[in-house]
Amino acid sequence: SVSCTASGRTFMKYAMGWFRQAPGKEREFVAAI
C-alpha cells in the first residue's frame, strides 16, 4: 500500500490520481479518484 499526504492549500477540493513510471518507459496513468 502506498499513500500520499497533501499539505498547503488543502481547504480546496482536489481530484487525485496515481501514475507510475518504469525505467525507460513513459509515465502512465494507474488510478484516479
Full PDB file with SEQRES, HELIX, SHEET, SSBOND, CRYST1, ORIGX, SCALE, CONECT and MASTER records, all heavy atoms in Angstrom:
SEQRES   1 A   33  SER VAL SER CYS THR ALA SER GLY ARG THR PHE MET LYS          
SEQRES   2 A   33  TYR ALA MET GLY TRP PHE ARG GLN ALA PRO GLY LYS GLU          
SEQRES   3 A   33  ARG GLU PHE VAL ALA ALA ILE                                  
SHEET    1 AA1 2 GLY A  17  ARG A  20  0                                        
SHEET    2 AA1 2 GLU A  28  ALA A  32 -1                                        
CRYST1    1.000    1.000    1.000  90.00  90.00  90.00 P 1           1          
ORIGX1      1.000000  0.000000  0.000000        0.00000                         
ORIGX2      0.000000  1.000000  0.000000        0.00000                         
ORIGX3      0.000000  0.000000  1.000000        0.00000                         
SCALE1      1.000000  0.000000  0.000000        0.00000                         
SCALE2      0.000000  1.000000  0.000000        0.00000                         
SCALE3      0.000000  0.000000  1.000000        0.00000                         
ATOM      1  N   SER A   1       0.847  -1.187   0.000  1.00  0.00           N  
ATOM      2  CA  SER A   1       0.000   0.000   0.000  1.00  0.00           C  
ATOM      3  C   SER A   1       0.879   1.231   0.000  1.00  0.00           C  
ATOM      4  O   SER A   1       1.832   1.312   0.782  1.00  0.00           O  
ATOM      5  CB  SER A   1      -0.912  -0.004   1.232  1.00  0.00           C  
ATOM      6  OG  SER A   1      -1.728   1.141   1.235  1.00  0.00           O  
ATOM      7  N   VAL A   2       0.572   2.166  -0.856  1.00  0.00           N  
ATOM      8  CA  VAL A   2       1.265   3.444  -0.869  1.00  0.00           C  
ATOM      9  C   VAL A   2       0.260   4.531  -0.532  1.00  0.00           C  
ATOM     10  O   VAL A   2      -0.933   4.387  -0.808  1.00  0.00           O  
ATOM     11  CB  VAL A   2       1.946   3.727  -2.214  1.00  0.00           C  
ATOM     12  CG1 VAL A   2       3.114   2.774  -2.432  1.00  0.00           C  
ATOM     13  CG2 VAL A   2       0.963   3.635  -3.364  1.00  0.00           C  
ATOM     14  N   SER A   3       0.741   5.583   0.086  1.00  0.00           N  
ATOM     15  CA  SER A   3      -0.136   6.676   0.457  1.00  0.00           C  
ATOM     16  C   SER A   3       0.472   8.000   0.024  1.00  0.00           C  
ATOM     17  O   SER A   3       1.666   8.095  -0.252  1.00  0.00           O  
ATOM     18  CB  SER A   3      -0.397   6.672   1.966  1.00  0.00           C  
ATOM     19  OG  SER A   3       0.800   6.834   2.676  1.00  0.00           O  
ATOM     20  N   CYS A   4      -0.365   9.001  -0.013  1.00  0.00           N  
ATOM     21  CA  CYS A   4       0.053  10.331  -0.443  1.00  0.00           C  
ATOM     22  C   CYS A   4      -0.670  11.345   0.425  1.00  0.00           C  
ATOM     23  O   CYS A   4      -1.899  11.391   0.442  1.00  0.00           O  
ATOM     24  CB  CYS A   4      -0.307  10.527  -1.908  1.00  0.00           C  
ATOM     25  SG  CYS A   4      -0.078  12.192  -2.540  1.00  0.00           S  
ATOM     26  N   THR A   5       0.098  12.157   1.123  1.00  0.00           N  
ATOM     27  CA  THR A   5      -0.470  13.152   2.023  1.00  0.00           C  
ATOM     28  C   THR A   5      -0.243  14.541   1.465  1.00  0.00           C  
ATOM     29  O   THR A   5       0.869  14.877   1.048  1.00  0.00           O  
ATOM     30  CB  THR A   5       0.139  13.031   3.416  1.00  0.00           C  
ATOM     31  OG1 THR A   5      -0.127  11.723   3.935  1.00  0.00           O  
ATOM     32  CG2 THR A   5      -0.459  14.058   4.365  1.00  0.00           C  
ATOM     33  N   ALA A   6      -1.295  15.318   1.484  1.00  0.00           N  
ATOM     34  CA  ALA A   6      -1.240  16.672   0.949  1.00  0.00           C  
ATOM     35  C   ALA A   6      -1.106  17.691   2.064  1.00  0.00           C  
ATOM     36  O   ALA A   6      -1.628  17.510   3.160  1.00  0.00           O  
ATOM     37  CB  ALA A   6      -2.494  16.943   0.134  1.00  0.00           C  
ATOM     38  N   SER A   7      -0.429  18.758   1.765  1.00  0.00           N  
ATOM     39  CA  SER A   7      -0.308  19.874   2.699  1.00  0.00           C  
ATOM     40  C   SER A   7      -0.355  21.167   1.891  1.00  0.00           C  
ATOM     41  O   SER A   7      -0.159  21.173   0.681  1.00  0.00           O  
ATOM     42  CB  SER A   7       0.984  19.790   3.501  1.00  0.00           C  
ATOM     43  OG  SER A   7       2.108  19.877   2.656  1.00  0.00           O  
ATOM     44  N   GLY A   8      -0.632  22.238   2.582  1.00  0.00           N  
ATOM     45  CA  GLY A   8      -0.725  23.517   1.893  1.00  0.00           C  
ATOM     46  C   GLY A   8      -2.178  23.924   1.739  1.00  0.00           C  
ATOM     47  O   GLY A   8      -2.903  24.010   2.717  1.00  0.00           O  
ATOM     48  N   ARG A   9      -2.604  24.143   0.524  1.00  0.00           N  
ATOM     49  CA  ARG A   9      -3.941  24.652   0.257  1.00  0.00           C  
ATOM     50  C   ARG A   9      -4.972  23.520   0.272  1.00  0.00           C  
ATOM     51  O   ARG A   9      -5.715  23.299  -0.683  1.00  0.00           O  
ATOM     52  CB  ARG A   9      -3.974  25.406  -1.055  1.00  0.00           C  
ATOM     53  CG  ARG A   9      -2.943  26.517  -1.130  1.00  0.00           C  
ATOM     54  CD  ARG A   9      -3.014  27.294  -2.414  1.00  0.00           C  
ATOM     55  NE  ARG A   9      -4.231  28.096  -2.510  1.00  0.00           N  
ATOM     56  CZ  ARG A   9      -4.529  28.869  -3.537  1.00  0.00           C  
ATOM     57  NH1 ARG A   9      -3.696  28.927  -4.563  1.00  0.00           N  
ATOM     58  NH2 ARG A   9      -5.648  29.551  -3.561  1.00  0.00           N  
ATOM     59  N   THR A  10      -5.021  22.802   1.370  1.00  0.00           N  
ATOM     60  CA  THR A  10      -5.877  21.625   1.450  1.00  0.00           C  
ATOM     61  C   THR A  10      -7.338  21.960   1.693  1.00  0.00           C  
ATOM     62  O   THR A  10      -8.177  21.077   1.732  1.00  0.00           O  
ATOM     63  CB  THR A  10      -5.375  20.682   2.539  1.00  0.00           C  
ATOM     64  OG1 THR A  10      -5.277  21.394   3.772  1.00  0.00           O  
ATOM     65  CG2 THR A  10      -4.017  20.111   2.177  1.00  0.00           C  
ATOM     66  N   PHE A  11      -7.639  23.259   1.842  1.00  0.00           N  
ATOM     67  CA  PHE A  11      -9.034  23.620   2.013  1.00  0.00           C  
ATOM     68  C   PHE A  11      -9.776  23.569   0.689  1.00  0.00           C  
ATOM     69  O   PHE A  11     -10.998  23.617   0.648  1.00  0.00           O  
ATOM     70  CB  PHE A  11      -9.147  25.013   2.621  1.00  0.00           C  
ATOM     71  CG  PHE A  11      -8.430  26.075   1.832  1.00  0.00           C  
ATOM     72  CD1 PHE A  11      -9.064  26.742   0.793  1.00  0.00           C  
ATOM     73  CD2 PHE A  11      -7.120  26.395   2.119  1.00  0.00           C  
ATOM     74  CE1 PHE A  11      -8.405  27.717   0.068  1.00  0.00           C  
ATOM     75  CE2 PHE A  11      -6.452  27.363   1.392  1.00  0.00           C  
ATOM     76  CZ  PHE A  11      -7.089  28.032   0.364  1.00  0.00           C  
ATOM     77  N   MET A  12      -9.011  23.464  -0.400  1.00  0.00           N  
ATOM     78  CA  MET A  12      -9.636  23.373  -1.712  1.00  0.00           C  
ATOM     79  C   MET A  12     -10.007  21.918  -1.986  1.00  0.00           C  
ATOM     80  O   MET A  12      -9.518  20.999  -1.350  1.00  0.00           O  
ATOM     81  CB  MET A  12      -8.664  23.884  -2.773  1.00  0.00           C  
ATOM     82  CG  MET A  12      -8.292  25.344  -2.643  1.00  0.00           C  
ATOM     83  SD  MET A  12      -7.166  25.888  -3.931  1.00  0.00           S  
ATOM     84  CE  MET A  12      -8.219  25.724  -5.371  1.00  0.00           C  
ATOM     85  N   LYS A  13     -10.889  21.731  -2.963  1.00  0.00           N  
ATOM     86  CA  LYS A  13     -11.222  20.386  -3.410  1.00  0.00           C  
ATOM     87  C   LYS A  13     -10.180  19.937  -4.432  1.00  0.00           C  
ATOM     88  O   LYS A  13      -9.833  20.675  -5.336  1.00  0.00           O  
ATOM     89  CB  LYS A  13     -12.602  20.364  -4.062  1.00  0.00           C  
ATOM     90  CG  LYS A  13     -13.751  20.671  -3.119  1.00  0.00           C  
ATOM     91  CD  LYS A  13     -15.073  20.582  -3.865  1.00  0.00           C  
ATOM     92  CE  LYS A  13     -16.244  20.870  -2.936  1.00  0.00           C  
ATOM     93  NZ  LYS A  13     -17.532  20.804  -3.666  1.00  0.00           N  
ATOM     94  N   TYR A  14      -9.707  18.696  -4.268  1.00  0.00           N  
ATOM     95  CA  TYR A  14      -8.722  18.153  -5.193  1.00  0.00           C  
ATOM     96  C   TYR A  14      -9.152  16.761  -5.656  1.00  0.00           C  
ATOM     97  O   TYR A  14      -9.411  15.884  -4.822  1.00  0.00           O  
ATOM     98  CB  TYR A  14      -7.351  18.040  -4.530  1.00  0.00           C  
ATOM     99  CG  TYR A  14      -6.669  19.369  -4.310  1.00  0.00           C  
ATOM    100  CD1 TYR A  14      -6.788  20.021  -3.094  1.00  0.00           C  
ATOM    101  CD2 TYR A  14      -5.926  19.967  -5.319  1.00  0.00           C  
ATOM    102  CE1 TYR A  14      -6.172  21.249  -2.892  1.00  0.00           C  
ATOM    103  CE2 TYR A  14      -5.299  21.189  -5.123  1.00  0.00           C  
ATOM    104  CZ  TYR A  14      -5.428  21.822  -3.912  1.00  0.00           C  
ATOM    105  OH  TYR A  14      -4.825  23.033  -3.707  1.00  0.00           O  
ATOM    106  N   ALA A  15      -9.199  16.583  -6.951  1.00  0.00           N  
ATOM    107  CA  ALA A  15      -9.257  15.232  -7.504  1.00  0.00           C  
ATOM    108  C   ALA A  15      -7.835  14.695  -7.476  1.00  0.00           C  
ATOM    109  O   ALA A  15      -6.874  15.454  -7.639  1.00  0.00           O  
ATOM    110  CB  ALA A  15      -9.793  15.262  -8.926  1.00  0.00           C  
ATOM    111  N   MET A  16      -7.691  13.399  -7.236  1.00  0.00           N  
ATOM    112  CA  MET A  16      -6.368  12.816  -7.061  1.00  0.00           C  
ATOM    113  C   MET A  16      -6.140  11.677  -8.038  1.00  0.00           C  
ATOM    114  O   MET A  16      -7.090  10.992  -8.457  1.00  0.00           O  
ATOM    115  CB  MET A  16      -6.204  12.285  -5.643  1.00  0.00           C  
ATOM    116  CG  MET A  16      -6.403  13.326  -4.559  1.00  0.00           C  
ATOM    117  SD  MET A  16      -5.157  14.620  -4.555  1.00  0.00           S  
ATOM    118  CE  MET A  16      -3.708  13.668  -4.058  1.00  0.00           C  
ATOM    119  N   GLY A  17      -4.889  11.461  -8.348  1.00  0.00           N  
ATOM    120  CA  GLY A  17      -4.548  10.348  -9.235  1.00  0.00           C  
ATOM    121  C   GLY A  17      -3.221   9.735  -8.860  1.00  0.00           C  
ATOM    122  O   GLY A  17      -2.401  10.357  -8.174  1.00  0.00           O  
ATOM    123  N   TRP A  18      -3.040   8.503  -9.289  1.00  0.00           N  
ATOM    124  CA  TRP A  18      -1.757   7.819  -9.167  1.00  0.00           C  
ATOM    125  C   TRP A  18      -1.247   7.508 -10.575  1.00  0.00           C  
ATOM    126  O   TRP A  18      -2.012   7.037 -11.429  1.00  0.00           O  
ATOM    127  CB  TRP A  18      -1.892   6.514  -8.384  1.00  0.00           C  
ATOM    128  CG  TRP A  18      -2.030   6.684  -6.912  1.00  0.00           C  
ATOM    129  CD1 TRP A  18      -3.186   6.678  -6.185  1.00  0.00           C  
ATOM    130  CD2 TRP A  18      -0.968   6.896  -5.976  1.00  0.00           C  
ATOM    131  NE1 TRP A  18      -2.909   6.869  -4.850  1.00  0.00           N  
ATOM    132  CE2 TRP A  18      -1.558   6.996  -4.691  1.00  0.00           C  
ATOM    133  CE3 TRP A  18       0.416   7.002  -6.072  1.00  0.00           C  
ATOM    134  CZ2 TRP A  18      -0.807   7.195  -3.534  1.00  0.00           C  
ATOM    135  CZ3 TRP A  18       1.158   7.198  -4.928  1.00  0.00           C  
ATOM    136  CH2 TRP A  18       0.550   7.290  -3.678  1.00  0.00           C  
ATOM    137  N   PHE A  19       0.017   7.781 -10.767  1.00  0.00           N  
ATOM    138  CA  PHE A  19       0.696   7.460 -12.009  1.00  0.00           C  
ATOM    139  C   PHE A  19       1.950   6.675 -11.670  1.00  0.00           C  
ATOM    140  O   PHE A  19       2.371   6.642 -10.517  1.00  0.00           O  
ATOM    141  CB  PHE A  19       1.071   8.746 -12.758  1.00  0.00           C  
ATOM    142  CG  PHE A  19      -0.114   9.515 -13.277  1.00  0.00           C  
ATOM    143  CD1 PHE A  19      -0.910  10.279 -12.425  1.00  0.00           C  
ATOM    144  CD2 PHE A  19      -0.457   9.487 -14.615  1.00  0.00           C  
ATOM    145  CE1 PHE A  19      -2.017  10.981 -12.889  1.00  0.00           C  
ATOM    146  CE2 PHE A  19      -1.550  10.187 -15.102  1.00  0.00           C  
ATOM    147  CZ  PHE A  19      -2.324  10.934 -14.234  1.00  0.00           C  
ATOM    148  N   ARG A  20       2.549   6.049 -12.675  1.00  0.00           N  
ATOM    149  CA  ARG A  20       3.791   5.331 -12.434  1.00  0.00           C  
ATOM    150  C   ARG A  20       4.695   5.448 -13.653  1.00  0.00           C  
ATOM    151  O   ARG A  20       4.239   5.665 -14.772  1.00  0.00           O  
ATOM    152  CB  ARG A  20       3.513   3.869 -12.100  1.00  0.00           C  
ATOM    153  CG  ARG A  20       2.917   3.056 -13.252  1.00  0.00           C  
ATOM    154  CD  ARG A  20       2.519   1.667 -12.763  1.00  0.00           C  
ATOM    155  NE  ARG A  20       1.979   0.842 -13.838  1.00  0.00           N  
ATOM    156  CZ  ARG A  20       1.433  -0.355 -13.667  1.00  0.00           C  
ATOM    157  NH1 ARG A  20       1.352  -0.885 -12.436  1.00  0.00           N  
ATOM    158  NH2 ARG A  20       0.970  -1.032 -14.697  1.00  0.00           N  
ATOM    159  N   GLN A  21       5.973   5.294 -13.378  1.00  0.00           N  
ATOM    160  CA  GLN A  21       6.951   5.334 -14.457  1.00  0.00           C  
ATOM    161  C   GLN A  21       8.015   4.286 -14.207  1.00  0.00           C  
ATOM    162  O   GLN A  21       8.705   4.325 -13.185  1.00  0.00           O  
ATOM    163  CB  GLN A  21       7.585   6.725 -14.580  1.00  0.00           C  
ATOM    164  CG  GLN A  21       8.483   6.870 -15.788  1.00  0.00           C  
ATOM    165  CD  GLN A  21       8.866   8.311 -16.052  1.00  0.00           C  
ATOM    166  OE1 GLN A  21       8.778   9.178 -15.183  1.00  0.00           O  
ATOM    167  NE2 GLN A  21       9.275   8.595 -17.282  1.00  0.00           N  
ATOM    168  N   ALA A  22       8.120   3.363 -15.133  1.00  0.00           N  
ATOM    169  CA  ALA A  22       9.130   2.323 -15.074  1.00  0.00           C  
ATOM    170  C   ALA A  22      10.373   2.791 -15.831  1.00  0.00           C  
ATOM    171  O   ALA A  22      10.279   3.666 -16.704  1.00  0.00           O  
ATOM    172  CB  ALA A  22       8.595   1.033 -15.685  1.00  0.00           C  
ATOM    173  N   PRO A  23      11.530   2.237 -15.519  1.00  0.00           N  
ATOM    174  CA  PRO A  23      12.753   2.648 -16.211  1.00  0.00           C  
ATOM    175  C   PRO A  23      12.630   2.500 -17.720  1.00  0.00           C  
ATOM    176  O   PRO A  23      12.192   1.467 -18.227  1.00  0.00           O  
ATOM    177  CB  PRO A  23      13.802   1.681 -15.649  1.00  0.00           C  
ATOM    178  CG  PRO A  23      13.286   1.304 -14.309  1.00  0.00           C  
ATOM    179  CD  PRO A  23      11.795   1.251 -14.469  1.00  0.00           C  
ATOM    180  N   GLY A  24      12.991   3.563 -18.427  1.00  0.00           N  
ATOM    181  CA  GLY A  24      12.960   3.527 -19.882  1.00  0.00           C  
ATOM    182  C   GLY A  24      11.589   3.648 -20.495  1.00  0.00           C  
ATOM    183  O   GLY A  24      11.443   3.540 -21.721  1.00  0.00           O  
ATOM    184  N   LYS A  25      10.580   3.877 -19.657  1.00  0.00           N  
ATOM    185  CA  LYS A  25       9.209   3.982 -20.170  1.00  0.00           C  
ATOM    186  C   LYS A  25       8.606   5.331 -19.803  1.00  0.00           C  
ATOM    187  O   LYS A  25       9.071   6.018 -18.902  1.00  0.00           O  
ATOM    188  CB  LYS A  25       8.345   2.851 -19.617  1.00  0.00           C  
ATOM    189  CG  LYS A  25       8.775   1.464 -20.071  1.00  0.00           C  
ATOM    190  CD  LYS A  25       7.786   0.419 -19.621  1.00  0.00           C  
ATOM    191  CE  LYS A  25       8.167  -0.955 -20.145  1.00  0.00           C  
ATOM    192  NZ  LYS A  25       7.173  -1.994 -19.739  1.00  0.00           N  
ATOM    193  N   GLU A  26       7.549   5.676 -20.517  1.00  0.00           N  
ATOM    194  CA  GLU A  26       6.852   6.916 -20.208  1.00  0.00           C  
ATOM    195  C   GLU A  26       5.977   6.738 -18.970  1.00  0.00           C  
ATOM    196  O   GLU A  26       5.545   5.628 -18.639  1.00  0.00           O  
ATOM    197  CB  GLU A  26       5.995   7.346 -21.400  1.00  0.00           C  
ATOM    198  CG  GLU A  26       6.797   7.728 -22.640  1.00  0.00           C  
ATOM    199  CD  GLU A  26       5.918   8.298 -23.732  1.00  0.00           C  
ATOM    200  OE1 GLU A  26       4.684   8.253 -23.586  1.00  0.00           O  
ATOM    201  OE2 GLU A  26       6.473   8.777 -24.729  1.00  0.00           O  
ATOM    202  N   ARG A  27       5.712   7.849 -18.319  1.00  0.00           N  
ATOM    203  CA  ARG A  27       4.804   7.818 -17.182  1.00  0.00           C  
ATOM    204  C   ARG A  27       3.407   7.428 -17.661  1.00  0.00           C  
ATOM    205  O   ARG A  27       2.954   7.896 -18.706  1.00  0.00           O  
ATOM    206  CB  ARG A  27       4.779   9.185 -16.509  1.00  0.00           C  
ATOM    207  CG  ARG A  27       3.933   9.262 -15.263  1.00  0.00           C  
ATOM    208  CD  ARG A  27       4.182  10.559 -14.519  1.00  0.00           C  
ATOM    209  NE  ARG A  27       3.952  11.708 -15.370  1.00  0.00           N  
ATOM    210  CZ  ARG A  27       4.283  12.957 -15.035  1.00  0.00           C  
ATOM    211  NH1 ARG A  27       4.877  13.197 -13.872  1.00  0.00           N  
ATOM    212  NH2 ARG A  27       4.036  13.953 -15.859  1.00  0.00           N  
ATOM    213  N   GLU A  28       2.753   6.577 -16.894  1.00  0.00           N  
ATOM    214  CA  GLU A  28       1.421   6.127 -17.284  1.00  0.00           C  
ATOM    215  C   GLU A  28       0.436   6.259 -16.136  1.00  0.00           C  
ATOM    216  O   GLU A  28       0.807   6.184 -14.961  1.00  0.00           O  
ATOM    217  CB  GLU A  28       1.455   4.667 -17.766  1.00  0.00           C  
ATOM    218  CG  GLU A  28       1.876   3.665 -16.719  1.00  0.00           C  
ATOM    219  CD  GLU A  28       1.945   2.244 -17.266  1.00  0.00           C  
ATOM    220  OE1 GLU A  28       2.007   2.074 -18.505  1.00  0.00           O  
ATOM    221  OE2 GLU A  28       1.936   1.307 -16.447  1.00  0.00           O  
ATOM    222  N   PHE A  29      -0.802   6.426 -16.495  1.00  0.00           N  
ATOM    223  CA  PHE A  29      -1.890   6.530 -15.530  1.00  0.00           C  
ATOM    224  C   PHE A  29      -2.125   5.184 -14.861  1.00  0.00           C  
ATOM    225  O   PHE A  29      -2.035   4.135 -15.499  1.00  0.00           O  
ATOM    226  CB  PHE A  29      -3.150   6.983 -16.261  1.00  0.00           C  
ATOM    227  CG  PHE A  29      -4.416   6.828 -15.463  1.00  0.00           C  
ATOM    228  CD1 PHE A  29      -4.738   7.724 -14.461  1.00  0.00           C  
ATOM    229  CD2 PHE A  29      -5.263   5.754 -15.699  1.00  0.00           C  
ATOM    230  CE1 PHE A  29      -5.883   7.571 -13.720  1.00  0.00           C  
ATOM    231  CE2 PHE A  29      -6.423   5.595 -14.964  1.00  0.00           C  
ATOM    232  CZ  PHE A  29      -6.736   6.506 -13.973  1.00  0.00           C  
ATOM    233  N   VAL A  30      -2.440   5.224 -13.555  1.00  0.00           N  
ATOM    234  CA  VAL A  30      -2.756   4.000 -12.825  1.00  0.00           C  
ATOM    235  C   VAL A  30      -4.195   4.033 -12.297  1.00  0.00           C  
ATOM    236  O   VAL A  30      -4.980   3.132 -12.570  1.00  0.00           O  
ATOM    237  CB  VAL A  30      -1.788   3.789 -11.648  1.00  0.00           C  
ATOM    238  CG1 VAL A  30      -2.176   2.539 -10.845  1.00  0.00           C  
ATOM    239  CG2 VAL A  30      -0.351   3.662 -12.153  1.00  0.00           C  
ATOM    240  N   ALA A  31      -4.524   5.081 -11.545  1.00  0.00           N  
ATOM    241  CA  ALA A  31      -5.848   5.147 -10.925  1.00  0.00           C  
ATOM    242  C   ALA A  31      -6.173   6.591 -10.597  1.00  0.00           C  
ATOM    243  O   ALA A  31      -5.272   7.406 -10.396  1.00  0.00           O  
ATOM    244  CB  ALA A  31      -5.898   4.290  -9.662  1.00  0.00           C  
ATOM    245  N   ALA A  32      -7.461   6.878 -10.526  1.00  0.00           N  
ATOM    246  CA  ALA A  32      -7.908   8.233 -10.195  1.00  0.00           C  
ATOM    247  C   ALA A  32      -9.131   8.163  -9.309  1.00  0.00           C  
ATOM    248  O   ALA A  32      -9.891   7.185  -9.339  1.00  0.00           O  
ATOM    249  CB  ALA A  32      -8.220   9.011 -11.467  1.00  0.00           C  
ATOM    250  N   ILE A  33      -9.324   9.219  -8.531  1.00  0.00           N  
ATOM    251  CA  ILE A  33     -10.468   9.279  -7.632  1.00  0.00           C  
ATOM    252  C   ILE A  33     -10.966  10.709  -7.557  1.00  0.00           C  
ATOM    253  O   ILE A  33     -10.188  11.663  -7.556  1.00  0.00           O  
ATOM    254  CB  ILE A  33     -10.090   8.732  -6.234  1.00  0.00           C  
ATOM    255  CG1 ILE A  33     -11.322   8.585  -5.338  1.00  0.00           C  
ATOM    256  CG2 ILE A  33      -9.014   9.599  -5.570  1.00  0.00           C  
ATOM    257  CD1 ILE A  33     -11.042   7.772  -4.073  1.00  0.00           C  
TER     258      ILE A  33                                                      
MASTER        0    0    0    0    2    0    0    6  257    1    0    3          
END                                                                             
